[in-house]
Every structure is written in structure tokens, then in C-alpha cells.
Amino acid sequence: MVFECAKGAHNFLTLDQTCGGEQPMGPVGWIYTSNVTGTVPLYACASAGGADHMVSTDPGCEVFDTVGLLGYALPGK
């Protein structure tokens, strides 16, 4: 299960239902824990200092720092 959390004015996704001490917003949905045919990896990403967050399929998180692998999801259509 993936959970949404609030940190200041930004929300982020995590596998930690307690949100690491930040404000829990509730469950978002299920994600695969291993690579299944047709899925793509999803990485949790944060800006320096953790002020902003995003999710990416890029293990390098584009311009953000990689927090970690959330799991594997089916791509949207």
C-alpha cells in the first residue's frame, strides 16, 4: 500500500503509513513490490532539504534527490 502524506504545503507518497512523523493523508493504492511484466518502477523523490516532492520512473529522479523505490506500477493509458 502507498500512502499520501502532507509536509508543509506539499504532499508526498510513501510506503510508511505513519509518514515518518508528517501528517498522514491516507492510502492511495496498491503497488507491486517486485517487477511484474508490464510494470514500471516508481521512485520517491525530494528536492534538497525535502521542501518539495515528486514521483518519477527515473531512478536518478531527474533534478531531485532519490528517496527510494516505492515499487512497480502499471503505466497509465
PDB file of N, CA and C in Angstrom:
ATOM      1  N   MET A   1       0.845  -1.182   0.000  1.00  0.00           N
ATOM      2  CA  MET A   1       0.000   0.000   0.000  1.00  0.00           C
ATOM      3  C   MET A   1       0.894   1.250   0.000  1.00  0.00           C
ATOM      4  N   VAL A   2       0.507   2.220  -0.805  1.00  0.00           N
ATOM      5  CA  VAL A   2       1.188   3.518  -0.860  1.00  0.00           C
ATOM      6  C   VAL A   2       0.294   4.533  -0.147  1.00  0.00           C
ATOM      7  N   PHE A   3       0.933   5.392   0.634  1.00  0.00           N
ATOM      8  CA  PHE A   3       0.204   6.387   1.417  1.00  0.00           C
ATOM      9  C   PHE A   3       0.609   7.796   1.010  1.00  0.00           C
ATOM     10  N   GLU A   4      -0.347   8.720   1.117  1.00  0.00           N
ATOM     11  CA  GLU A   4      -0.078  10.139   0.866  1.00  0.00           C
ATOM     12  C   GLU A   4       0.101  10.839   2.204  1.00  0.00           C
ATOM     13  N   CYS A   5       1.087  11.736   2.252  1.00  0.00           N
ATOM     14  CA  CYS A   5       1.388  12.476   3.467  1.00  0.00           C
ATOM     15  C   CYS A   5       1.553  13.957   3.129  1.00  0.00           C
ATOM     16  N   ALA A   6       1.293  14.799   4.103  1.00  0.00           N
ATOM     17  CA  ALA A   6       1.484  16.240   3.923  1.00  0.00           C
ATOM     18  C   ALA A   6       2.705  16.686   4.713  1.00  0.00           C
ATOM     19  N   LYS A   7       3.522  17.518   4.063  1.00  0.00           N
ATOM     20  CA  LYS A   7       4.668  18.137   4.727  1.00  0.00           C
ATOM     21  C   LYS A   7       4.662  19.588   4.310  1.00  0.00           C
ATOM     22  N   GLY A   8       4.238  20.449   5.198  1.00  0.00           N
ATOM     23  CA  GLY A   8       4.096  21.856   4.864  1.00  0.00           C
ATOM     24  C   GLY A   8       3.037  22.019   3.786  1.00  0.00           C
ATOM     25  N   ALA A   9       3.385  22.743   2.726  1.00  0.00           N
ATOM     26  CA  ALA A   9       2.444  22.998   1.630  1.00  0.00           C
ATOM     27  C   ALA A   9       2.494  21.917   0.553  1.00  0.00           C
ATOM     28  N   HIS A  10       3.311  20.862   0.761  1.00  0.00           N
ATOM     29  CA  HIS A  10       3.481  19.829  -0.265  1.00  0.00           C
ATOM     30  C   HIS A  10       3.072  18.463   0.256  1.00  0.00           C
ATOM     31  N   ASN A  11       2.614  17.625  -0.648  1.00  0.00           N
ATOM     32  CA  ASN A  11       2.284  16.240  -0.327  1.00  0.00           C
ATOM     33  C   ASN A  11       3.319  15.321  -0.948  1.00  0.00           C
ATOM     34  N   PHE A  12       3.467  14.131  -0.363  1.00  0.00           N
ATOM     35  CA  PHE A  12       4.387  13.143  -0.915  1.00  0.00           C
ATOM     36  C   PHE A  12       3.819  11.750  -0.706  1.00  0.00           C
ATOM     37  N   LEU A  13       4.361  10.796  -1.457  1.00  0.00           N
ATOM     38  CA  LEU A  13       3.942   9.400  -1.359  1.00  0.00           C
ATOM     39  C   LEU A  13       5.012   8.596  -0.639  1.00  0.00           C
ATOM     40  N   THR A  14       4.574   7.611   0.141  1.00  0.00           N
ATOM     41  CA  THR A  14       5.484   6.770   0.906  1.00  0.00           C
ATOM     42  C   THR A  14       4.854   5.410   1.163  1.00  0.00           C
ATOM     43  N   LEU A  15       5.676   4.460   1.546  1.00  0.00           N
ATOM     44  CA  LEU A  15       5.181   3.143   1.961  1.00  0.00           C
ATOM     45  C   LEU A  15       4.923   3.121   3.464  1.00  0.00           C
ATOM     46  N   ASP A  16       5.338   4.171   4.163  1.00  0.00           N
ATOM     47  CA  ASP A  16       5.219   4.286   5.618  1.00  0.00           C
ATOM     48  C   ASP A  16       3.883   4.920   5.997  1.00  0.00           C
ATOM     49  N   GLN A  17       2.982   4.127   6.564  1.00  0.00           N
ATOM     50  CA  GLN A  17       1.653   4.653   6.890  1.00  0.00           C
ATOM     51  C   GLN A  17       1.684   5.722   7.979  1.00  0.00           C
ATOM     52  N   THR A  18       2.778   5.819   8.738  1.00  0.00           N
ATOM     53  CA  THR A  18       2.894   6.868   9.754  1.00  0.00           C
ATOM     54  C   THR A  18       3.535   8.135   9.187  1.00  0.00           C
ATOM     55  N   CYS A  19       3.955   8.084   7.928  1.00  0.00           N
ATOM     56  CA  CYS A  19       4.500   9.243   7.208  1.00  0.00           C
ATOM     57  C   CYS A  19       5.759   9.819   7.851  1.00  0.00           C
ATOM     58  N   GLY A  20       6.475   9.011   8.597  1.00  0.00           N
ATOM     59  CA  GLY A  20       7.714   9.491   9.204  1.00  0.00           C
ATOM     60  C   GLY A  20       7.515  10.689  10.101  1.00  0.00           C
ATOM     61  N   GLY A  21       6.362  10.780  10.737  1.00  0.00           N
ATOM     62  CA  GLY A  21       6.085  11.888  11.633  1.00  0.00           C
ATOM     63  C   GLY A  21       5.381  13.065  10.985  1.00  0.00           C
ATOM     64  N   GLU A  22       5.220  13.030   9.660  1.00  0.00           N
ATOM     65  CA  GLU A  22       4.477  14.089   8.972  1.00  0.00           C
ATOM     66  C   GLU A  22       2.980  13.746   9.016  1.00  0.00           C
ATOM     67  N   GLN A  23       2.133  14.580   8.451  1.00  0.00           N
ATOM     68  CA  GLN A  23       0.686  14.399   8.545  1.00  0.00           C
ATOM     69  C   GLN A  23       0.175  13.341   7.560  1.00  0.00           C
ATOM     70  N   PRO A  24      -0.383  12.226   8.055  1.00  0.00           N
ATOM     71  CA  PRO A  24      -0.949  11.214   7.163  1.00  0.00           C
ATOM     72  C   PRO A  24      -2.215  11.730   6.470  1.00  0.00           C
ATOM     73  N   MET A  25      -2.321  11.468   5.172  1.00  0.00           N
ATOM     74  CA  MET A  25      -3.497  11.858   4.396  1.00  0.00           C
ATOM     75  C   MET A  25      -4.345  10.636   4.012  1.00  0.00           C
ATOM     76  N   GLY A  26      -3.757   9.445   4.146  1.00  0.00           N
ATOM     77  CA  GLY A  26      -4.499   8.223   3.857  1.00  0.00           C
ATOM     78  C   GLY A  26      -3.887   7.411   2.732  1.00  0.00           C
ATOM     79  N   PRO A  27      -4.465   6.236   2.494  1.00  0.00           N
ATOM     80  CA  PRO A  27      -3.948   5.351   1.446  1.00  0.00           C
ATOM     81  C   PRO A  27      -4.276   5.863   0.047  1.00  0.00           C
ATOM     82  N   VAL A  28      -3.360   5.596  -0.887  1.00  0.00           N
ATOM     83  CA  VAL A  28      -3.534   5.986  -2.286  1.00  0.00           C
ATOM     84  C   VAL A  28      -3.888   4.766  -3.127  1.00  0.00           C
ATOM     85  N   GLY A  29      -3.226   3.648  -2.844  1.00  0.00           N
ATOM     86  CA  GLY A  29      -3.492   2.432  -3.599  1.00  0.00           C
ATOM     87  C   GLY A  29      -2.367   1.431  -3.446  1.00  0.00           C
ATOM     88  N   TRP A  30      -2.530   0.316  -4.103  1.00  0.00           N
ATOM     89  CA  TRP A  30      -1.558  -0.771  -4.025  1.00  0.00           C
ATOM     90  C   TRP A  30      -0.497  -0.631  -5.104  1.00  0.00           C
ATOM     91  N   ILE A  31       0.687  -1.154  -4.805  1.00  0.00           N
ATOM     92  CA  ILE A  31       1.800  -1.146  -5.743  1.00  0.00           C
ATOM     93  C   ILE A  31       2.511  -2.496  -5.632  1.00  0.00           C
ATOM     94  N   TYR A  32       3.045  -2.977  -6.732  1.00  0.00           N
ATOM     95  CA  TYR A  32       3.792  -4.233  -6.711  1.00  0.00           C
ATOM     96  C   TYR A  32       5.128  -4.032  -5.995  1.00  0.00           C
ATOM     97  N   THR A  33       5.558  -5.045  -5.243  1.00  0.00           N
ATOM     98  CA  THR A  33       6.841  -4.966  -4.548  1.00  0.00           C
ATOM     99  C   THR A  33       7.982  -5.533  -5.387  1.00  0.00           C
ATOM    100  N   SER A  34       7.643  -6.207  -6.476  1.00  0.00           N
ATOM    101  CA  SER A  34       8.673  -6.713  -7.389  1.00  0.00           C
ATOM    102  C   SER A  34       8.228  -6.429  -8.824  1.00  0.00           C
ATOM    103  N   ASN A  35       9.195  -6.450  -9.723  1.00  0.00           N
ATOM    104  CA  ASN A  35       8.922  -6.150 -11.124  1.00  0.00           C
ATOM    105  C   ASN A  35       8.055  -7.243 -11.742  1.00  0.00           C
ATOM    106  N   VAL A  36       6.905  -6.867 -12.241  1.00  0.00           N
ATOM    107  CA  VAL A  36       5.961  -7.761 -12.902  1.00  0.00           C
ATOM    108  C   VAL A  36       5.866  -7.305 -14.355  1.00  0.00           C
ATOM    109  N   THR A  37       5.704  -8.222 -15.274  1.00  0.00           N
ATOM    110  CA  THR A  37       5.610  -7.875 -16.694  1.00  0.00           C
ATOM    111  C   THR A  37       4.624  -6.727 -16.908  1.00  0.00           C
ATOM    112  N   GLY A  38       5.080  -5.703 -17.603  1.00  0.00           N
ATOM    113  CA  GLY A  38       4.231  -4.565 -17.938  1.00  0.00           C
ATOM    114  C   GLY A  38       4.282  -3.426 -16.933  1.00  0.00           C
ATOM    115  N   THR A  39       5.014  -3.601 -15.831  1.00  0.00           N
ATOM    116  CA  THR A  39       5.084  -2.535 -14.826  1.00  0.00           C
ATOM    117  C   THR A  39       6.324  -1.671 -15.023  1.00  0.00           C
ATOM    118  N   VAL A  40       6.300  -0.502 -14.404  1.00  0.00           N
ATOM    119  CA  VAL A  40       7.447   0.407 -14.399  1.00  0.00           C
ATOM    120  C   VAL A  40       7.785   0.740 -12.944  1.00  0.00           C
ATOM    121  N   PRO A  41       9.072   0.974 -12.662  1.00  0.00           N
ATOM    122  CA  PRO A  41       9.443   1.342 -11.289  1.00  0.00           C
ATOM    123  C   PRO A  41       9.004   2.773 -10.981  1.00  0.00           C
ATOM    124  N   LEU A  42       8.597   3.006  -9.732  1.00  0.00           N
ATOM    125  CA  LEU A  42       8.257   4.349  -9.273  1.00  0.00           C
ATOM    126  C   LEU A  42       9.154   4.699  -8.101  1.00  0.00           C
ATOM    127  N   TYR A  43       9.822   5.841  -8.218  1.00  0.00           N
ATOM    128  CA  TYR A  43      10.747   6.297  -7.192  1.00  0.00           C
ATOM    129  C   TYR A  43      10.193   7.525  -6.493  1.00  0.00           C
ATOM    130  N   ALA A  44      10.336   7.569  -5.176  1.00  0.00           N
ATOM    131  CA  ALA A  44      10.010   8.764  -4.403  1.00  0.00           C
ATOM    132  C   ALA A  44      11.211   9.695  -4.504  1.00  0.00           C
ATOM    133  N   CYS A  45      10.942  10.970  -4.775  1.00  0.00           N
ATOM    134  CA  CYS A  45      11.992  11.958  -4.981  1.00  0.00           C
ATOM    135  C   CYS A  45      11.706  13.190  -4.124  1.00  0.00           C
ATOM    136  N   ALA A  46      12.766  13.873  -3.700  1.00  0.00           N
ATOM    137  CA  ALA A  46      12.602  15.102  -2.923  1.00  0.00           C
ATOM    138  C   ALA A  46      13.669  16.106  -3.332  1.00  0.00           C
ATOM    139  N   SER A  47      13.315  17.372  -3.232  1.00  0.00           N
ATOM    140  CA  SER A  47      14.284  18.431  -3.502  1.00  0.00           C
ATOM    141  C   SER A  47      15.269  18.496  -2.332  1.00  0.00           C
ATOM    142  N   ALA A  48      16.357  19.181  -2.532  1.00  0.00           N
ATOM    143  CA  ALA A  48      17.331  19.359  -1.455  1.00  0.00           C
ATOM    144  C   ALA A  48      16.623  19.963  -0.247  1.00  0.00           C
ATOM    145  N   GLY A  49      16.798  19.383   0.901  1.00  0.00           N
ATOM    146  CA  GLY A  49      16.125  19.867   2.107  1.00  0.00           C
ATOM    147  C   GLY A  49      14.723  19.329   2.266  1.00  0.00           C
ATOM    148  N   GLY A  50      14.208  18.615   1.255  1.00  0.00           N
ATOM    149  CA  GLY A  50      12.898  17.992   1.347  1.00  0.00           C
ATOM    150  C   GLY A  50      11.711  18.936   1.289  1.00  0.00           C
ATOM    151  N   ALA A  51      11.904  20.125   0.742  1.00  0.00           N
ATOM    152  CA  ALA A  51      10.813  21.097   0.675  1.00  0.00           C
ATOM    153  C   ALA A  51       9.773  20.741  -0.385  1.00  0.00           C
ATOM    154  N   ASP A  52      10.163  19.990  -1.405  1.00  0.00           N
ATOM    155  CA  ASP A  52       9.240  19.624  -2.481  1.00  0.00           C
ATOM    156  C   ASP A  52       9.459  18.148  -2.802  1.00  0.00           C
ATOM    157  N   HIS A  53       8.405  17.501  -3.297  1.00  0.00           N
ATOM    158  CA  HIS A  53       8.452  16.064  -3.571  1.00  0.00           C
ATOM    159  C   HIS A  53       7.803  15.746  -4.911  1.00  0.00           C
ATOM    160  N   MET A  54       8.195  14.593  -5.463  1.00  0.00           N
ATOM    161  CA  MET A  54       7.559  14.101  -6.678  1.00  0.00           C
ATOM    162  C   MET A  54       7.808  12.603  -6.784  1.00  0.00           C
ATOM    163  N   VAL A  55       7.135  11.966  -7.731  1.00  0.00           N
ATOM    164  CA  VAL A  55       7.339  10.556  -8.046  1.00  0.00           C
ATOM    165  C   VAL A  55       7.833  10.497  -9.479  1.00  0.00           C
ATOM    166  N   SER A  56       8.788   9.605  -9.754  1.00  0.00           N
ATOM    167  CA  SER A  56       9.371   9.508 -11.084  1.00  0.00           C
ATOM    168  C   SER A  56       9.683   8.061 -11.426  1.00  0.00           C
ATOM    169  N   THR A  57       9.724   7.779 -12.721  1.00  0.00           N
ATOM    170  CA  THR A  57      10.192   6.472 -13.182  1.00  0.00           C
ATOM    171  C   THR A  57      11.701   6.482 -13.381  1.00  0.00           C
ATOM    172  N   ASP A  58      12.325   7.639 -13.255  1.00  0.00           N
ATOM    173  CA  ASP A  58      13.770   7.811 -13.401  1.00  0.00           C
ATOM    174  C   ASP A  58      14.452   7.523 -12.065  1.00  0.00           C
ATOM    175  N   PRO A  59      15.331   6.506 -12.003  1.00  0.00           N
ATOM    176  CA  PRO A  59      15.998   6.195 -10.735  1.00  0.00           C
ATOM    177  C   PRO A  59      16.867   7.342 -10.224  1.00  0.00           C
ATOM    178  N   GLY A  60      17.239   8.266 -11.109  1.00  0.00           N
ATOM    179  CA  GLY A  60      18.007   9.443 -10.714  1.00  0.00           C
ATOM    180  C   GLY A  60      17.135  10.616 -10.320  1.00  0.00           C
ATOM    181  N   CYS A  61      15.827  10.455 -10.427  1.00  0.00           N
ATOM    182  CA  CYS A  61      14.840  11.478 -10.039  1.00  0.00           C
ATOM    183  C   CYS A  61      15.012  12.817 -10.745  1.00  0.00           C
ATOM    184  N   GLU A  62      15.504  12.783 -11.974  1.00  0.00           N
ATOM    185  CA  GLU A  62      15.624  13.994 -12.786  1.00  0.00           C
ATOM    186  C   GLU A  62      16.438  15.060 -12.054  1.00  0.00           C
ATOM    187  N   VAL A  63      15.823  16.125 -11.540  1.00  0.00           N
ATOM    188  CA  VAL A  63      16.570  17.190 -10.856  1.00  0.00           C
ATOM    189  C   VAL A  63      16.479  17.092  -9.332  1.00  0.00           C
ATOM    190  N   PHE A  64      15.711  16.135  -8.815  1.00  0.00           N
ATOM    191  CA  PHE A  64      15.552  15.956  -7.370  1.00  0.00           C
ATOM    192  C   PHE A  64      16.481  14.860  -6.872  1.00  0.00           C
ATOM    193  N   ASP A  65      16.527  14.665  -5.564  1.00  0.00           N
ATOM    194  CA  ASP A  65      17.275  13.572  -4.955  1.00  0.00           C
ATOM    195  C   ASP A  65      16.372  12.352  -4.834  1.00  0.00           C
ATOM    196  N   THR A  66      16.932  11.171  -5.040  1.00  0.00           N
ATOM    197  CA  THR A  66      16.165   9.936  -4.914  1.00  0.00           C
ATOM    198  C   THR A  66      16.024   9.573  -3.442  1.00  0.00           C
ATOM    199  N   VAL A  67      14.768   9.424  -3.005  1.00  0.00           N
ATOM    200  CA  VAL A  67      14.488   8.995  -1.636  1.00  0.00           C
ATOM    201  C   VAL A  67      14.511   7.475  -1.576  1.00  0.00           C
ATOM    202  N   GLY A  68      13.888   6.835  -2.573  1.00  0.00           N
ATOM    203  CA  GLY A  68      13.894   5.386  -2.622  1.00  0.00           C
ATOM    204  C   GLY A  68      12.853   4.853  -3.590  1.00  0.00           C
ATOM    205  N   LEU A  69      12.911   3.558  -3.796  1.00  0.00           N
ATOM    206  CA  LEU A  69      11.963   2.873  -4.680  1.00  0.00           C
ATOM    207  C   LEU A  69      10.658   2.648  -3.940  1.00  0.00           C
ATOM    208  N   LEU A  70       9.553   3.131  -4.503  1.00  0.00           N
ATOM    209  CA  LEU A  70       8.236   2.861  -3.922  1.00  0.00           C
ATOM    210  C   LEU A  70       7.764   1.464  -4.305  1.00  0.00           C
ATOM    211  N   GLY A  71       8.023   1.068  -5.541  1.00  0.00           N
ATOM    212  CA  GLY A  71       7.595  -0.226  -6.051  1.00  0.00           C
ATOM    213  C   GLY A  71       7.390  -0.135  -7.544  1.00  0.00           C
ATOM    214  N   TYR A  72       6.536  -1.010  -8.051  1.00  0.00           N
ATOM    215  CA  TYR A  72       6.309  -1.119  -9.503  1.00  0.00           C
ATOM    216  C   TYR A  72       4.821  -0.972  -9.780  1.00  0.00           C
ATOM    217  N   ALA A  73       4.487  -0.174 -10.802  1.00  0.00           N
ATOM    218  CA  ALA A  73       3.087   0.110 -11.127  1.00  0.00           C
ATOM    219  C   ALA A  73       2.837  -0.076 -12.612  1.00  0.00           C
ATOM    220  N   LEU A  74       1.599  -0.315 -12.951  1.00  0.00           N
ATOM    221  CA  LEU A  74       1.198  -0.378 -14.356  1.00  0.00           C
ATOM    222  C   LEU A  74       1.091   1.040 -14.880  1.00  0.00           C
ATOM    223  N   PRO A  75       1.697   1.341 -16.049  1.00  0.00           N
ATOM    224  CA  PRO A  75       1.641   2.702 -16.578  1.00  0.00           C
ATOM    225  C   PRO A  75       0.210   3.070 -16.980  1.00  0.00           C
ATOM    226  N   GLY A  76      -0.109   4.348 -16.869  1.00  0.00           N
ATOM    227  CA  GLY A  76      -1.426   4.847 -17.276  1.00  0.00           C
ATOM    228  C   GLY A  76      -1.548   4.837 -18.795  1.00  0.00           C
ATOM    229  N   LYS A  77      -2.774   4.908 -19.257  1.00  0.00           N
ATOM    230  CA  LYS A  77      -3.026   4.909 -20.705  1.00  0.00           C
ATOM    231  C   LYS A  77      -3.219   6.310 -21.208  1.00  0.00           C
TER     232      LYS A  77
END
